[in-house]
N, C-alpha and C. Protein backbone atom coordinates (compact mmCIF):
# COMPACT_ATOMS: atom_id res chain seq x y z
N MET A 1 144.82 -4.11 -27.55
CA MET A 1 145.22 -2.69 -27.09
C MET A 1 145.42 -2.85 -25.75
N ILE A 2 146.44 -2.42 -25.36
CA ILE A 2 146.64 -2.07 -23.82
C ILE A 2 146.46 -0.52 -23.38
N TYR A 3 145.73 -0.51 -22.61
CA TYR A 3 145.45 0.91 -22.12
C TYR A 3 146.20 1.09 -20.90
N SER A 4 146.83 2.25 -20.81
CA SER A 4 147.62 2.90 -19.68
C SER A 4 147.63 4.13 -19.41
N ASN A 5 147.96 4.71 -18.09
CA ASN A 5 148.13 6.22 -17.94
C ASN A 5 146.76 6.85 -18.13
N PHE A 6 145.86 6.59 -17.52
CA PHE A 6 144.39 7.02 -17.54
C PHE A 6 144.24 8.44 -16.93
N PHE A 7 143.62 9.48 -17.63
CA PHE A 7 143.60 10.92 -17.30
C PHE A 7 141.92 11.14 -17.37
N PHE A 8 141.67 12.20 -16.60
CA PHE A 8 140.14 12.61 -16.64
C PHE A 8 140.25 14.31 -17.01
N ASN A 9 139.25 14.65 -17.75
CA ASN A 9 139.36 16.23 -18.00
C ASN A 9 138.45 16.82 -17.10
N ARG A 10 138.31 18.08 -17.49
CA ARG A 10 137.43 19.07 -16.48
C ARG A 10 135.94 18.46 -16.33
N CYS A 11 135.44 18.14 -17.51
CA CYS A 11 134.05 17.53 -17.37
C CYS A 11 133.97 16.40 -16.82
N GLY A 12 134.92 15.60 -16.50
CA GLY A 12 134.96 14.23 -15.60
C GLY A 12 135.05 12.95 -16.63
N HIS A 13 135.11 13.24 -17.89
CA HIS A 13 135.46 11.90 -18.72
C HIS A 13 136.82 11.57 -18.70
N TYR A 14 136.84 10.05 -18.57
CA TYR A 14 138.19 9.56 -18.50
C TYR A 14 138.74 8.78 -19.90
N PHE A 15 139.73 9.04 -20.17
CA PHE A 15 140.75 8.63 -21.30
C PHE A 15 141.98 8.19 -21.01
N CYS A 16 142.41 7.12 -21.79
CA CYS A 16 144.03 6.85 -21.71
C CYS A 16 144.55 7.88 -22.30
N GLU A 17 145.86 7.94 -22.00
CA GLU A 17 146.88 9.25 -22.37
C GLU A 17 146.82 9.29 -23.75
N ARG A 18 147.02 8.26 -24.50
CA ARG A 18 147.21 8.36 -26.07
C ARG A 18 145.83 9.00 -26.56
N CYS A 19 144.68 8.27 -26.17
CA CYS A 19 143.61 8.90 -27.12
C CYS A 19 143.43 10.38 -26.41
N ALA A 20 143.54 10.74 -25.15
CA ALA A 20 143.29 12.22 -24.83
C ALA A 20 144.14 13.05 -25.47
N LEU A 21 145.57 12.89 -25.60
CA LEU A 21 146.43 13.69 -26.35
C LEU A 21 146.31 13.58 -27.97
N GLN A 22 145.86 12.65 -28.42
CA GLN A 22 145.51 12.34 -29.83
C GLN A 22 144.13 13.21 -30.13
N ASN A 23 143.31 13.27 -29.35
CA ASN A 23 142.21 14.09 -29.60
C ASN A 23 142.64 15.46 -29.47
N PHE A 24 143.29 15.76 -28.40
CA PHE A 24 143.40 17.30 -27.96
C PHE A 24 144.35 17.95 -29.05
N SER A 25 145.23 17.15 -29.92
CA SER A 25 145.88 17.56 -31.08
C SER A 25 144.93 18.16 -31.86
N LYS A 26 143.81 17.58 -32.20
CA LYS A 26 142.78 17.87 -33.18
C LYS A 26 141.83 18.89 -32.87
N SER A 27 141.35 18.87 -31.49
CA SER A 27 140.28 19.76 -30.81
C SER A 27 140.81 20.15 -29.35
N PRO A 28 140.50 21.33 -28.92
CA PRO A 28 140.74 21.63 -27.43
C PRO A 28 139.38 21.26 -26.51
N ARG A 29 138.61 20.49 -27.38
CA ARG A 29 137.20 19.97 -26.59
C ARG A 29 137.14 18.71 -26.12
N CYS A 30 136.52 18.24 -25.32
CA CYS A 30 136.35 16.79 -24.89
C CYS A 30 135.80 16.07 -26.05
N TYR A 31 136.32 14.78 -26.31
CA TYR A 31 135.98 13.90 -27.29
C TYR A 31 134.55 13.55 -26.92
N SER A 32 134.01 13.28 -25.64
CA SER A 32 132.75 12.83 -25.35
C SER A 32 131.73 13.72 -25.50
N CYS A 33 131.70 15.13 -24.83
CA CYS A 33 130.88 16.07 -24.75
C CYS A 33 130.94 17.15 -25.39
N GLY A 34 132.18 17.51 -26.01
CA GLY A 34 132.42 18.98 -26.34
C GLY A 34 132.79 20.10 -25.61
N ALA A 35 132.80 19.95 -24.30
CA ALA A 35 133.11 20.91 -23.27
C ALA A 35 134.60 21.25 -23.53
N PRO A 36 134.97 22.43 -23.28
CA PRO A 36 136.35 23.05 -23.50
C PRO A 36 137.29 22.37 -22.43
N THR A 37 138.41 21.94 -22.79
CA THR A 37 139.31 21.11 -21.78
C THR A 37 140.11 22.09 -21.40
N ASN A 38 140.59 22.94 -22.12
CA ASN A 38 141.73 23.85 -21.94
C ASN A 38 142.84 23.48 -21.48
N GLY A 39 143.20 21.98 -22.18
CA GLY A 39 144.36 21.20 -22.20
C GLY A 39 144.67 20.66 -20.85
N ILE A 40 143.75 20.90 -19.88
CA ILE A 40 143.86 20.33 -18.52
C ILE A 40 143.25 18.78 -18.61
N PHE A 41 144.19 18.03 -18.14
CA PHE A 41 144.06 16.53 -17.91
C PHE A 41 144.74 15.89 -16.69
N ASN A 42 143.81 15.40 -15.72
CA ASN A 42 144.21 15.08 -14.44
C ASN A 42 144.59 13.52 -14.41
N THR A 43 145.59 13.04 -13.58
CA THR A 43 146.06 11.40 -13.51
C THR A 43 144.68 11.07 -12.79
N ALA A 44 144.21 9.99 -13.40
CA ALA A 44 142.92 9.42 -12.70
C ALA A 44 143.51 8.28 -11.84
N LYS A 45 144.07 8.80 -10.74
CA LYS A 45 144.67 7.89 -9.68
C LYS A 45 143.64 6.81 -9.07
N ASN A 46 142.48 7.43 -8.92
CA ASN A 46 141.40 6.41 -8.19
C ASN A 46 141.04 5.27 -9.44
N LEU A 47 141.08 5.52 -10.49
CA LEU A 47 141.02 4.30 -11.72
C LEU A 47 141.86 3.60 -11.60
N ILE A 48 143.15 4.19 -11.73
CA ILE A 48 144.35 3.18 -11.72
C ILE A 48 144.72 2.36 -10.42
N GLN A 49 144.04 2.98 -9.27
CA GLN A 49 144.16 2.25 -8.27
C GLN A 49 143.09 0.88 -8.17
N LYS A 50 141.79 1.13 -8.84
CA LYS A 50 140.89 0.15 -8.86
C LYS A 50 141.44 -0.98 -9.91
N ILE A 51 141.94 -0.46 -11.01
CA ILE A 51 142.29 -1.48 -12.09
C ILE A 51 143.54 -2.34 -11.17
N GLU A 52 144.54 -1.80 -10.56
CA GLU A 52 145.28 -2.35 -9.74
C GLU A 52 144.83 -3.48 -8.80
N GLU A 53 144.02 -3.13 -8.07
CA GLU A 53 143.12 -3.86 -7.06
C GLU A 53 142.40 -5.04 -7.79
N ARG A 54 142.03 -5.03 -8.97
CA ARG A 54 140.93 -5.73 -9.74
C ARG A 54 142.12 -6.88 -10.08
N LYS A 55 143.16 -6.52 -10.58
CA LYS A 55 144.18 -7.40 -11.23
C LYS A 55 144.89 -8.14 -10.07
N LYS A 56 145.03 -7.79 -9.03
CA LYS A 56 145.64 -8.21 -7.80
C LYS A 56 144.41 -9.41 -7.38
N LYS A 57 143.24 -9.34 -7.44
CA LYS A 57 142.17 -10.14 -6.90
C LYS A 57 142.13 -11.14 -7.82
N MET A 58 142.43 -11.11 -9.10
CA MET A 58 142.15 -12.05 -10.27
C MET A 58 143.37 -12.97 -10.23
N GLU A 59 144.55 -12.32 -9.70
CA GLU A 59 145.82 -13.29 -9.82
C GLU A 59 145.42 -14.04 -8.56
N GLU A 60 145.06 -13.61 -7.36
CA GLU A 60 145.03 -14.34 -6.34
C GLU A 60 143.87 -15.77 -6.72
N LYS A 61 142.80 -15.29 -7.56
CA LYS A 61 141.96 -16.31 -7.51
C LYS A 61 142.34 -17.28 -8.67
N GLY A 62 143.48 -16.79 -9.39
CA GLY A 62 144.12 -17.77 -10.47
C GLY A 62 143.43 -17.56 -11.79
N GLU A 63 142.69 -16.30 -11.99
CA GLU A 63 141.99 -15.95 -12.92
C GLU A 63 142.87 -15.23 -14.01
N THR A 64 142.48 -15.12 -15.19
CA THR A 64 143.21 -14.36 -16.26
C THR A 64 142.30 -13.20 -16.84
N ASN A 65 143.02 -12.03 -17.06
CA ASN A 65 142.36 -11.03 -17.65
C ASN A 65 142.29 -11.26 -19.13
N ARG A 66 141.50 -10.54 -19.86
CA ARG A 66 141.54 -10.54 -21.45
C ARG A 66 142.71 -10.35 -22.27
N GLU A 67 143.50 -9.55 -21.54
CA GLU A 67 144.82 -9.12 -22.18
C GLU A 67 145.77 -10.22 -22.23
N ASP A 68 145.89 -11.07 -21.18
CA ASP A 68 146.42 -12.37 -20.81
C ASP A 68 145.94 -13.33 -22.14
N GLU A 69 144.76 -13.38 -21.97
CA GLU A 69 144.08 -14.45 -22.90
C GLU A 69 144.43 -14.28 -24.22
N GLU A 70 144.34 -12.75 -24.64
CA GLU A 70 144.54 -12.54 -25.95
C GLU A 70 146.17 -12.92 -26.54
N LYS A 71 147.12 -12.40 -25.62
CA LYS A 71 148.48 -12.90 -25.60
C LYS A 71 148.59 -14.22 -26.04
N GLY A 72 147.96 -15.44 -25.01
CA GLY A 72 148.08 -16.52 -25.10
C GLY A 72 147.56 -17.17 -26.53
N ARG A 73 146.37 -16.63 -26.85
CA ARG A 73 146.06 -16.86 -28.25
C ARG A 73 147.11 -16.64 -29.47
N GLU A 74 147.55 -15.41 -29.27
CA GLU A 74 148.60 -14.90 -30.18
C GLU A 74 149.76 -16.07 -30.50
N ASN A 75 150.09 -16.31 -29.04
CA ASN A 75 151.25 -17.37 -29.08
C ASN A 75 151.00 -18.81 -29.70
N GLU A 76 149.71 -19.00 -29.20
CA GLU A 76 149.18 -20.46 -29.74
C GLU A 76 149.09 -20.08 -31.33
N SER A 77 148.63 -19.10 -31.98
CA SER A 77 148.70 -19.32 -33.55
C SER A 77 150.17 -19.30 -33.96
N GLU A 78 150.97 -18.57 -33.32
CA GLU A 78 152.22 -18.46 -34.06
C GLU A 78 153.00 -19.83 -33.65
N ASN A 79 152.65 -20.40 -32.63
CA ASN A 79 153.22 -21.92 -32.58
C ASN A 79 152.60 -22.84 -33.44
N SER A 80 151.47 -22.61 -33.78
CA SER A 80 150.68 -23.84 -34.76
C SER A 80 151.37 -23.80 -35.99
N ASP A 81 151.90 -22.41 -36.46
CA ASP A 81 152.52 -22.52 -37.75
C ASP A 81 153.65 -23.15 -37.96
N ASP A 82 154.15 -23.50 -36.65
CA ASP A 82 155.59 -24.32 -36.53
C ASP A 82 155.32 -25.80 -36.78
N ASP A 83 154.18 -26.17 -36.16
CA ASP A 83 153.60 -27.60 -36.46
C ASP A 83 153.15 -28.21 -37.83
N VAL A 84 153.20 -27.22 -38.48
CA VAL A 84 152.75 -27.86 -39.81
C VAL A 84 153.94 -28.69 -40.47
N ASP A 85 153.61 -29.77 -40.80
CA ASP A 85 154.73 -30.63 -41.82
C ASP A 85 155.03 -30.07 -42.97
N LYS A 86 156.09 -30.03 -43.08
CA LYS A 86 156.72 -29.47 -44.57
C LYS A 86 157.56 -30.41 -45.20
N ASP A 87 156.98 -30.80 -46.29
CA ASP A 87 157.75 -31.79 -47.30
C ASP A 87 158.82 -31.23 -48.03
């Protein structure tokens, strides 16, 4: 799963947008600690910036992240089905 659009709530817990909205539709309380959120979610700009910096450093070093590795494995398994000899 690829996470994006990170937010934090009033009590300081971080969530991806999908999880924050999904939980808020069920309860107006923080999923982690149960504190009332009052529907307030702030964009986690500092976390997003750190993730982007880490991705850039990994690219410079020629490393891959787990998401890229998972995509590669999915492509390999799809291609291996094509390699099977069919009589």
